[in-house]
PDB file of all heavy atoms in Angstrom:
ATOM      1  N   ILE A   1      27.615 120.826 112.205  1.00  0.00           N
ATOM      2  CA  ILE A   1      26.314 120.322 111.996  1.00  0.00           C
ATOM      3  C   ILE A   1      26.441 119.307 110.855  1.00  0.00           C
ATOM      4  O   ILE A   1      27.006 119.592 109.745  1.00  0.00           O
ATOM      5  CB  ILE A   1      25.341 121.494 111.551  1.00  0.00           C
ATOM      6  CG1 ILE A   1      25.181 122.407 112.667  1.00  0.00           C
ATOM      7  CG2 ILE A   1      24.014 120.914 111.097  1.00  0.00           C
ATOM      8  CD1 ILE A   1      24.313 123.579 112.395  1.00  0.00           C
ATOM      9  N   LEU A   2      25.929 118.096 111.104  1.00  0.00           N
ATOM     10  CA  LEU A   2      25.897 117.026 110.035  1.00  0.00           C
ATOM     11  C   LEU A   2      24.498 116.768 109.631  1.00  0.00           C
ATOM     12  O   LEU A   2      23.637 116.809 110.458  1.00  0.00           O
ATOM     13  CB  LEU A   2      26.488 115.740 110.683  1.00  0.00           C
ATOM     14  CG  LEU A   2      27.953 115.720 111.123  1.00  0.00           C
ATOM     15  CD1 LEU A   2      28.237 114.404 111.929  1.00  0.00           C
ATOM     16  CD2 LEU A   2      28.803 115.718 109.818  1.00  0.00           C
ATOM     17  N   ARG A   3      24.308 116.474 108.362  1.00  0.00           N
ATOM     18  CA  ARG A   3      22.966 116.206 107.816  1.00  0.00           C
ATOM     19  C   ARG A   3      23.143 115.401 106.558  1.00  0.00           C
ATOM     20  O   ARG A   3      24.199 115.364 105.903  1.00  0.00           O
ATOM     21  CB  ARG A   3      22.169 117.482 107.573  1.00  0.00           C
ATOM     22  CG  ARG A   3      22.805 118.313 106.448  1.00  0.00           C
ATOM     23  CD  ARG A   3      22.093 119.647 106.274  1.00  0.00           C
ATOM     24  NE  ARG A   3      22.703 120.377 105.221  1.00  0.00           N
ATOM     25  CZ  ARG A   3      23.916 121.017 105.277  1.00  0.00           C
ATOM     26  NH1 ARG A   3      24.579 120.950 106.381  1.00  0.00           N
ATOM     27  NH2 ARG A   3      24.385 121.677 104.281  1.00  0.00           N
ATOM     28  N   GLU A   4      22.038 114.722 106.186  1.00  0.00           N
ATOM     29  CA  GLU A   4      22.010 113.959 104.880  1.00  0.00           C
ATOM     30  C   GLU A   4      21.259 114.846 103.945  1.00  0.00           C
ATOM     31  O   GLU A   4      20.228 115.411 104.244  1.00  0.00           O
ATOM     32  CB  GLU A   4      21.302 112.672 105.118  1.00  0.00           C
ATOM     33  CG  GLU A   4      21.123 111.760 103.874  1.00  0.00           C
ATOM     34  CD  GLU A   4      19.852 112.080 103.050  1.00  0.00           C
ATOM     35  OE1 GLU A   4      18.881 112.577 103.613  1.00  0.00           O
ATOM     36  OE2 GLU A   4      19.889 111.800 101.847  1.00  0.00           O
ATOM     37  N   GLU A   5      21.883 114.980 102.731  1.00  0.00           N
ATOM     38  CA  GLU A   5      21.219 115.750 101.658  1.00  0.00           C
ATOM     39  C   GLU A   5      21.248 114.947 100.377  1.00  0.00           C
ATOM     40  O   GLU A   5      22.303 114.724  99.880  1.00  0.00           O
ATOM     41  CB  GLU A   5      21.990 117.026 101.541  1.00  0.00           C
ATOM     42  CG  GLU A   5      21.354 118.093 100.569  1.00  0.00           C
ATOM     43  CD  GLU A   5      20.052 118.651 101.109  1.00  0.00           C
ATOM     44  OE1 GLU A   5      19.989 119.008 102.440  1.00  0.00           O
ATOM     45  OE2 GLU A   5      19.105 118.859 100.407  1.00  0.00           O
ATOM     46  N   GLU A   6      20.046 114.529  99.957  1.00  0.00           N
ATOM     47  CA  GLU A   6      19.956 113.739  98.677  1.00  0.00           C
ATOM     48  C   GLU A   6      20.946 112.503  98.692  1.00  0.00           C
ATOM     49  O   GLU A   6      21.699 112.312  97.650  1.00  0.00           O
ATOM     50  CB  GLU A   6      20.209 114.613  97.501  1.00  0.00           C
ATOM     51  CG  GLU A   6      19.104 115.710  97.361  1.00  0.00           C
ATOM     52  CD  GLU A   6      19.304 116.622  96.159  1.00  0.00           C
ATOM     53  OE1 GLU A   6      20.142 116.263  95.298  1.00  0.00           O
ATOM     54  OE2 GLU A   6      18.599 117.634  96.165  1.00  0.00           O
ATOM     55  N   GLY A   7      21.014 111.816  99.729  1.00  0.00           N
ATOM     56  CA  GLY A   7      21.823 110.612  99.786  1.00  0.00           C
ATOM     57  C   GLY A   7      23.296 110.919 100.092  1.00  0.00           C
ATOM     58  O   GLY A   7      24.156 110.010 100.094  1.00  0.00           O
ATOM     59  N   ARG A   8      23.681 112.093 100.346  1.00  0.00           N
ATOM     60  CA  ARG A   8      25.104 112.532 100.647  1.00  0.00           C
ATOM     61  C   ARG A   8      25.228 113.013 102.042  1.00  0.00           C
ATOM     62  O   ARG A   8      24.221 113.738 102.541  1.00  0.00           O
ATOM     63  CB  ARG A   8      25.558 113.575  99.674  1.00  0.00           C
ATOM     64  CG  ARG A   8      25.564 113.153  98.235  1.00  0.00           C
ATOM     65  CD  ARG A   8      26.144 114.364  97.332  1.00  0.00           C
ATOM     66  NE  ARG A   8      25.633 115.589  97.699  1.00  0.00           N
ATOM     67  CZ  ARG A   8      24.681 116.205  97.074  1.00  0.00           C
ATOM     68  NH1 ARG A   8      24.087 115.658  96.099  1.00  0.00           N
ATOM     69  NH2 ARG A   8      24.271 117.449  97.494  1.00  0.00           N
ATOM     70  N   LEU A   9      26.297 112.764 102.705  1.00  0.00           N
ATOM     71  CA  LEU A   9      26.580 113.376 104.006  1.00  0.00           C
ATOM     72  C   LEU A   9      27.131 114.767 103.734  1.00  0.00           C
ATOM     73  O   LEU A   9      28.030 114.954 103.013  1.00  0.00           O
ATOM     74  CB  LEU A   9      27.633 112.505 104.778  1.00  0.00           C
ATOM     75  CG  LEU A   9      28.072 113.079 106.132  1.00  0.00           C
ATOM     76  CD1 LEU A   9      26.798 113.143 107.140  1.00  0.00           C
ATOM     77  CD2 LEU A   9      29.142 112.284 106.732  1.00  0.00           C
ATOM     78  N   GLU A  10      26.465 115.804 104.356  1.00  0.00           N
ATOM     79  CA  GLU A  10      26.870 117.169 104.233  1.00  0.00           C
ATOM     80  C   GLU A  10      27.162 117.701 105.650  1.00  0.00           C
ATOM     81  O   GLU A  10      26.539 117.234 106.684  1.00  0.00           O
ATOM     82  CB  GLU A  10      25.871 117.996 103.483  1.00  0.00           C
ATOM     83  CG  GLU A  10      25.734 117.593 102.092  1.00  0.00           C
ATOM     84  CD  GLU A  10      25.230 118.601 101.104  1.00  0.00           C
ATOM     85  OE1 GLU A  10      24.902 119.697 101.651  1.00  0.00           O
ATOM     86  OE2 GLU A  10      25.130 118.334  99.924  1.00  0.00           O
ATOM     87  N   TYR A  11      27.975 118.722 105.694  1.00  0.00           N
ATOM     88  CA  TYR A  11      28.248 119.338 107.082  1.00  0.00           C
ATOM     89  C   TYR A  11      28.514 120.775 106.901  1.00  0.00           C
ATOM     90  O   TYR A  11      28.831 121.373 105.849  1.00  0.00           O
ATOM     91  CB  TYR A  11      29.544 118.633 107.690  1.00  0.00           C
ATOM     92  CG  TYR A  11      30.818 118.906 107.002  1.00  0.00           C
ATOM     93  CD1 TYR A  11      31.593 120.032 107.247  1.00  0.00           C
ATOM     94  CD2 TYR A  11      31.196 118.084 105.969  1.00  0.00           C
ATOM     95  CE1 TYR A  11      32.802 120.250 106.636  1.00  0.00           C
ATOM     96  CE2 TYR A  11      32.441 118.395 105.272  1.00  0.00           C
ATOM     97  CZ  TYR A  11      33.164 119.391 105.641  1.00  0.00           C
ATOM     98  OH  TYR A  11      34.342 119.654 104.959  1.00  0.00           O
ATOM     99  N   ASP A  12      28.301 121.467 107.988  1.00  0.00           N
ATOM    100  CA  ASP A  12      28.505 122.952 108.146  1.00  0.00           C
ATOM    101  C   ASP A  12      29.448 123.086 109.309  1.00  0.00           C
ATOM    102  O   ASP A  12      29.184 122.443 110.379  1.00  0.00           O
ATOM    103  CB  ASP A  12      27.270 123.757 108.324  1.00  0.00           C
ATOM    104  CG  ASP A  12      26.445 123.774 107.060  1.00  0.00           C
ATOM    105  OD1 ASP A  12      26.947 123.966 106.063  1.00  0.00           O
ATOM    106  OD2 ASP A  12      25.145 123.486 107.331  1.00  0.00           O
ATOM    107  N   LEU A  13      30.434 123.892 109.271  1.00  0.00           N
ATOM    108  CA  LEU A  13      31.265 124.330 110.400  1.00  0.00           C
ATOM    109  C   LEU A  13      30.785 125.715 110.779  1.00  0.00           C
ATOM    110  O   LEU A  13      30.740 126.612 109.918  1.00  0.00           O
ATOM    111  CB  LEU A  13      32.737 124.323 110.026  1.00  0.00           C
ATOM    112  CG  LEU A  13      33.333 122.970 109.685  1.00  0.00           C
ATOM    113  CD1 LEU A  13      34.708 123.117 109.099  1.00  0.00           C
ATOM    114  CD2 LEU A  13      33.409 122.048 110.924  1.00  0.00           C
ATOM    115  N   LEU A  14      30.485 125.878 112.041  1.00  0.00           N
ATOM    116  CA  LEU A  14      30.009 127.182 112.485  1.00  0.00           C
ATOM    117  C   LEU A  14      31.157 127.778 113.359  1.00  0.00           C
ATOM    118  O   LEU A  14      31.539 127.223 114.398  1.00  0.00           O
ATOM    119  CB  LEU A  14      28.773 127.024 113.442  1.00  0.00           C
ATOM    120  CG  LEU A  14      27.609 126.269 112.744  1.00  0.00           C
ATOM    121  CD1 LEU A  14      26.419 126.128 113.756  1.00  0.00           C
ATOM    122  CD2 LEU A  14      27.121 126.994 111.510  1.00  0.00           C
ATOM    123  N   LEU A  15      31.698 128.803 112.973  1.00  0.00           N
ATOM    124  CA  LEU A  15      32.786 129.514 113.592  1.00  0.00           C
ATOM    125  C   LEU A  15      32.369 130.742 114.345  1.00  0.00           C
ATOM    126  O   LEU A  15      31.695 131.628 113.874  1.00  0.00           O
ATOM    127  CB  LEU A  15      33.931 129.918 112.570  1.00  0.00           C
ATOM    128  CG  LEU A  15      34.809 128.778 112.086  1.00  0.00           C
ATOM    129  CD1 LEU A  15      34.054 127.861 111.217  1.00  0.00           C
ATOM    130  CD2 LEU A  15      35.982 129.343 111.397  1.00  0.00           C
ATOM    131  N   ALA A  16      32.807 130.767 115.653  1.00  0.00           N
ATOM    132  CA  ALA A  16      32.632 131.941 116.420  1.00  0.00           C
ATOM    133  C   ALA A  16      33.618 133.011 116.005  1.00  0.00           C
ATOM    134  O   ALA A  16      34.647 132.706 115.392  1.00  0.00           O
ATOM    135  CB  ALA A  16      32.766 131.588 117.921  1.00  0.00           C
ATOM    136  N   PRO A  17      33.336 134.299 116.264  1.00  0.00           N
ATOM    137  CA  PRO A  17      34.318 135.365 115.893  1.00  0.00           C
ATOM    138  C   PRO A  17      35.677 135.114 116.517  1.00  0.00           C
ATOM    139  O   PRO A  17      35.703 134.648 117.702  1.00  0.00           O
ATOM    140  CB  PRO A  17      33.720 136.653 116.469  1.00  0.00           C
ATOM    141  CG  PRO A  17      32.229 136.381 116.515  1.00  0.00           C
ATOM    142  CD  PRO A  17      32.142 134.879 116.832  1.00  0.00           C
ATOM    143  N   GLY A  18      36.731 134.998 115.669  1.00  0.00           N
ATOM    144  CA  GLY A  18      38.040 134.789 116.133  1.00  0.00           C
ATOM    145  C   GLY A  18      38.447 133.342 116.256  1.00  0.00           C
ATOM    146  O   GLY A  18      39.619 133.030 116.609  1.00  0.00           O
ATOM    147  N   ALA A  19      37.561 132.374 115.916  1.00  0.00           N
ATOM    148  CA  ALA A  19      37.885 131.015 115.896  1.00  0.00           C
ATOM    149  C   ALA A  19      38.956 130.658 114.856  1.00  0.00           C
ATOM    150  O   ALA A  19      38.987 131.291 113.772  1.00  0.00           O
ATOM    151  CB  ALA A  19      36.608 130.152 115.675  1.00  0.00           C
ATOM    152  N   ASP A  20      39.765 129.764 115.159  1.00  0.00           N
ATOM    153  CA  ASP A  20      40.883 129.341 114.286  1.00  0.00           C
ATOM    154  C   ASP A  20      40.508 128.124 113.421  1.00  0.00           C
ATOM    155  O   ASP A  20      40.516 127.004 113.915  1.00  0.00           O
ATOM    156  CB  ASP A  20      42.079 129.061 115.085  1.00  0.00           C
ATOM    157  CG  ASP A  20      43.343 128.647 114.234  1.00  0.00           C
ATOM    158  OD1 ASP A  20      43.265 128.776 112.995  1.00  0.00           O
ATOM    159  OD2 ASP A  20      44.329 128.211 114.881  1.00  0.00           O
ATOM    160  N   LEU A  21      40.138 128.333 112.175  1.00  0.00           N
ATOM    161  CA  LEU A  21      39.749 127.177 111.304  1.00  0.00           C
ATOM    162  C   LEU A  21      40.819 126.217 111.034  1.00  0.00           C
ATOM    163  O   LEU A  21      40.527 125.014 110.781  1.00  0.00           O
ATOM    164  CB  LEU A  21      39.251 127.784 109.950  1.00  0.00           C
ATOM    165  CG  LEU A  21      38.692 126.768 108.928  1.00  0.00           C
ATOM    166  CD1 LEU A  21      37.536 126.010 109.531  1.00  0.00           C
ATOM    167  CD2 LEU A  21      38.338 127.450 107.669  1.00  0.00           C
ATOM    168  N   SER A  22      42.087 126.643 111.268  1.00  0.00           N
ATOM    169  CA  SER A  22      43.185 125.658 111.050  1.00  0.00           C
ATOM    170  C   SER A  22      43.231 124.536 112.024  1.00  0.00           C
ATOM    171  O   SER A  22      43.888 123.498 111.855  1.00  0.00           O
ATOM    172  CB  SER A  22      44.562 126.325 111.031  1.00  0.00           C
ATOM    173  OG  SER A  22      44.854 126.809 112.313  1.00  0.00           O
ATOM    174  N   GLN A  23      42.375 124.570 113.117  1.00  0.00           N
ATOM    175  CA  GLN A  23      42.234 123.482 114.044  1.00  0.00           C
ATOM    176  C   GLN A  23      41.517 122.299 113.421  1.00  0.00           C
ATOM    177  O   GLN A  23      41.729 121.110 113.883  1.00  0.00           O
ATOM    178  CB  GLN A  23      41.352 123.994 115.179  1.00  0.00           C
ATOM    179  CG  GLN A  23      41.865 125.059 116.038  1.00  0.00           C
ATOM    180  CD  GLN A  23      40.888 125.434 117.091  1.00  0.00           C
ATOM    181  OE1 GLN A  23      40.880 124.825 118.196  1.00  0.00           O
ATOM    182  NE2 GLN A  23      40.013 126.383 116.851  1.00  0.00           N
ATOM    183  N   VAL A  24      40.752 122.549 112.352  1.00  0.00           N
ATOM    184  CA  VAL A  24      39.923 121.480 111.787  1.00  0.00           C
ATOM    185  C   VAL A  24      40.674 120.605 110.820  1.00  0.00           C
ATOM    186  O   VAL A  24      41.356 121.141 109.867  1.00  0.00           O
ATOM    187  CB  VAL A  24      38.710 122.079 111.009  1.00  0.00           C
ATOM    188  CG1 VAL A  24      37.805 121.044 110.464  1.00  0.00           C
ATOM    189  CG2 VAL A  24      37.825 122.896 112.013  1.00  0.00           C
ATOM    190  N   VAL A  25      40.655 119.370 110.926  1.00  0.00           N
ATOM    191  CA  VAL A  25      41.357 118.430 110.068  1.00  0.00           C
ATOM    192  C   VAL A  25      40.324 117.390 109.637  1.00  0.00           C
ATOM    193  O   VAL A  25      39.660 116.769 110.525  1.00  0.00           O
ATOM    194  CB  VAL A  25      42.519 117.708 110.778  1.00  0.00           C
ATOM    195  CG1 VAL A  25      43.186 116.663 109.888  1.00  0.00           C
ATOM    196  CG2 VAL A  25      43.615 118.739 111.163  1.00  0.00           C
ATOM    197  N   VAL A  26      40.222 117.160 108.360  1.00  0.00           N
ATOM    198  CA  VAL A  26      39.191 116.174 107.876  1.00  0.00           C
ATOM    199  C   VAL A  26      39.983 115.098 107.240  1.00  0.00           C
ATOM    200  O   VAL A  26      40.779 115.357 106.309  1.00  0.00           O
ATOM    201  CB  VAL A  26      38.191 116.822 106.843  1.00  0.00           C
ATOM    202  CG1 VAL A  26      37.259 115.715 106.327  1.00  0.00           C
ATOM    203  CG2 VAL A  26      37.458 117.939 107.449  1.00  0.00           C
ATOM    204  N   ARG A  27      39.768 113.855 107.610  1.00  0.00           N
ATOM    205  CA  ARG A  27      40.441 112.670 107.034  1.00  0.00           C
ATOM    206  C   ARG A  27      39.384 111.772 106.411  1.00  0.00           C
ATOM    207  O   ARG A  27      38.377 111.510 107.025  1.00  0.00           O
ATOM    208  CB  ARG A  27      41.192 111.922 108.090  1.00  0.00           C
ATOM    209  CG  ARG A  27      42.359 112.684 108.655  1.00  0.00           C
ATOM    210  CD  ARG A  27      43.072 111.926 109.744  1.00  0.00           C
ATOM    211  NE  ARG A  27      43.834 112.975 110.477  1.00  0.00           N
ATOM    212  CZ  ARG A  27      44.967 112.732 111.127  1.00  0.00           C
ATOM    213  NH1 ARG A  27      45.386 111.429 111.233  1.00  0.00           N
ATOM    214  NH2 ARG A  27      45.597 113.617 111.674  1.00  0.00           N
ATOM    215  N   CYS A  28      39.608 111.329 105.312  1.00  0.00           N
ATOM    216  CA  CYS A  28      38.698 110.472 104.554  1.00  0.00           C
ATOM    217  C   CYS A  28      39.417 109.163 104.014  1.00  0.00           C
ATOM    218  O   CYS A  28      40.238 109.323 103.159  1.00  0.00           O
ATOM    219  CB  CYS A  28      38.009 111.196 103.382  1.00  0.00           C
ATOM    220  SG  CYS A  28      37.142 112.647 103.977  1.00  0.00           S
ATOM    221  N   GLY A  29      39.055 108.061 104.562  1.00  0.00           N
ATOM    222  CA  GLY A  29      39.717 106.837 104.087  1.00  0.00           C
ATOM    223  C   GLY A  29      38.991 106.292 102.810  1.00  0.00           C
ATOM    224  O   GLY A  29      37.795 106.537 102.636  1.00  0.00           O
ATOM    225  N   GLY A  30      39.745 105.631 101.997  1.00  0.00           N
ATOM    226  CA  GLY A  30      39.176 105.040 100.737  1.00  0.00           C
ATOM    227  C   GLY A  30      38.938 106.058  99.625  1.00  0.00           C
ATOM    228  O   GLY A  30      38.169 105.748  98.756  1.00  0.00           O
ATOM    229  N   VAL A  31      39.505 107.124  99.710  1.00  0.00           N
ATOM    230  CA  VAL A  31      39.303 108.250  98.698  1.00  0.00           C
ATOM    231  C   VAL A  31      40.416 108.098  97.670  1.00  0.00           C
ATOM    232  O   VAL A  31      41.584 108.047  97.935  1.00  0.00           O
ATOM    233  CB  VAL A  31      39.310 109.668  99.418  1.00  0.00           C
ATOM    234  CG1 VAL A  31      39.191 110.713  98.254  1.00  0.00           C
ATOM    235  CG2 VAL A  31      38.174 109.733 100.361  1.00  0.00           C
ATOM    236  N   ASP A  32      39.946 108.091  96.366  1.00  0.00           N
ATOM    237  CA  ASP A  32      40.924 107.976  95.332  1.00  0.00           C
ATOM    238  C   ASP A  32      41.349 109.466  94.753  1.00  0.00           C
ATOM    239  O   ASP A  32      42.435 109.565  94.190  1.00  0.00           O
ATOM    240  CB  ASP A  32      40.412 107.114  94.096  1.00  0.00           C
ATOM    241  CG  ASP A  32      40.261 105.703  94.542  1.00  0.00           C
ATOM    242  OD1 ASP A  32      41.127 105.180  95.277  1.00  0.00           O
ATOM    243  OD2 ASP A  32      39.292 105.063  94.159  1.00  0.00           O
ATOM    244  N   SER A  33      40.364 110.362  94.782  1.00  0.00           N
ATOM    245  CA  SER A  33      40.647 111.662  94.304  1.00  0.00           C
ATOM    246  C   SER A  33      39.786 112.669  95.057  1.00  0.00           C
ATOM    247  O   SER A  33      38.738 112.364  95.562  1.00  0.00           O
ATOM    248  CB  SER A  33      40.360 111.700  92.809  1.00  0.00           C
ATOM    249  OG  SER A  33      38.858 111.633  92.559  1.00  0.00           O
ATOM    250  N   VAL A  34      40.402 113.908  95.035  1.00  0.00           N
ATOM    251  CA  VAL A  34      39.730 115.050  95.636  1.00  0.00           C
ATOM    252  C   VAL A  34      39.741 116.207  94.704  1.00  0.00           C
ATOM    253  O   VAL A  34      40.760 116.483  94.058  1.00  0.00           O
ATOM    254  CB  VAL A  34      40.533 115.511  96.942  1.00  0.00           C
ATOM    255  CG1 VAL A  34      40.000 116.680  97.634  1.00  0.00           C
ATOM    256  CG2 VAL A  34      40.642 114.298  97.950  1.00  0.00           C
ATOM    257  N   ARG A  35      38.628 116.867  94.559  1.00  0.00           N
ATOM    258  CA  ARG A  35      38.539 117.983  93.633  1.00  0.00           C
ATOM    259  C   ARG A  35      37.407 118.916  94.030  1.00  0.00           C
ATOM    260  O   ARG A  35      36.554 118.500  94.875  1.00  0.00           O
ATOM    261  CB  ARG A  35      38.336 117.547  92.207  1.00  0.00           C
ATOM    262  CG  ARG A  35      36.946 116.848  92.011  1.00  0.00           C
ATOM    263  CD  ARG A  35      36.774 116.407  90.513  1.00  0.00           C
ATOM    264  NE  ARG A  35      35.609 115.595  90.332  1.00  0.00           N
ATOM    265  CZ  ARG A  35      34.380 116.118  90.223  1.00  0.00           C
ATOM    266  NH1 ARG A  35      34.125 117.402  90.189  1.00  0.00           N
ATOM    267  NH2 ARG A  35      33.329 115.289  90.129  1.00  0.00           N
ATOM    268  N   LEU A  36      37.332 120.134  93.441  1.00  0.00           N
ATOM    269  CA  LEU A  36      36.248 121.011  93.685  1.00  0.00           C
ATOM    270  C   LEU A  36      35.406 121.035  92.467  1.00  0.00           C
ATOM    271  O   LEU A  36      35.873 120.940  91.298  1.00  0.00           O
ATOM    272  CB  LEU A  36      36.739 122.493  93.800  1.00  0.00           C
ATOM    273  CG  LEU A  36      37.674 122.711  95.156  1.00  0.00           C
ATOM    274  CD1 LEU A  36      38.176 124.160  95.121  1.00  0.00           C
ATOM    275  CD2 LEU A  36      36.795 122.424  96.387  1.00  0.00           C
TER     276      LEU A  36
END
C-alpha cells in the first residue's frame, strides 16, 4: 500500500501468514545516507 503522508511517500507491506519478507528488495537512487 502506497500513500502520501505530509509530503512524504509512505508504504505498508501486508504479509499473509507464512509469507517470506526476504523476497522484498527496496532500491533508492540518489540516496546519500540511510538511518533509523
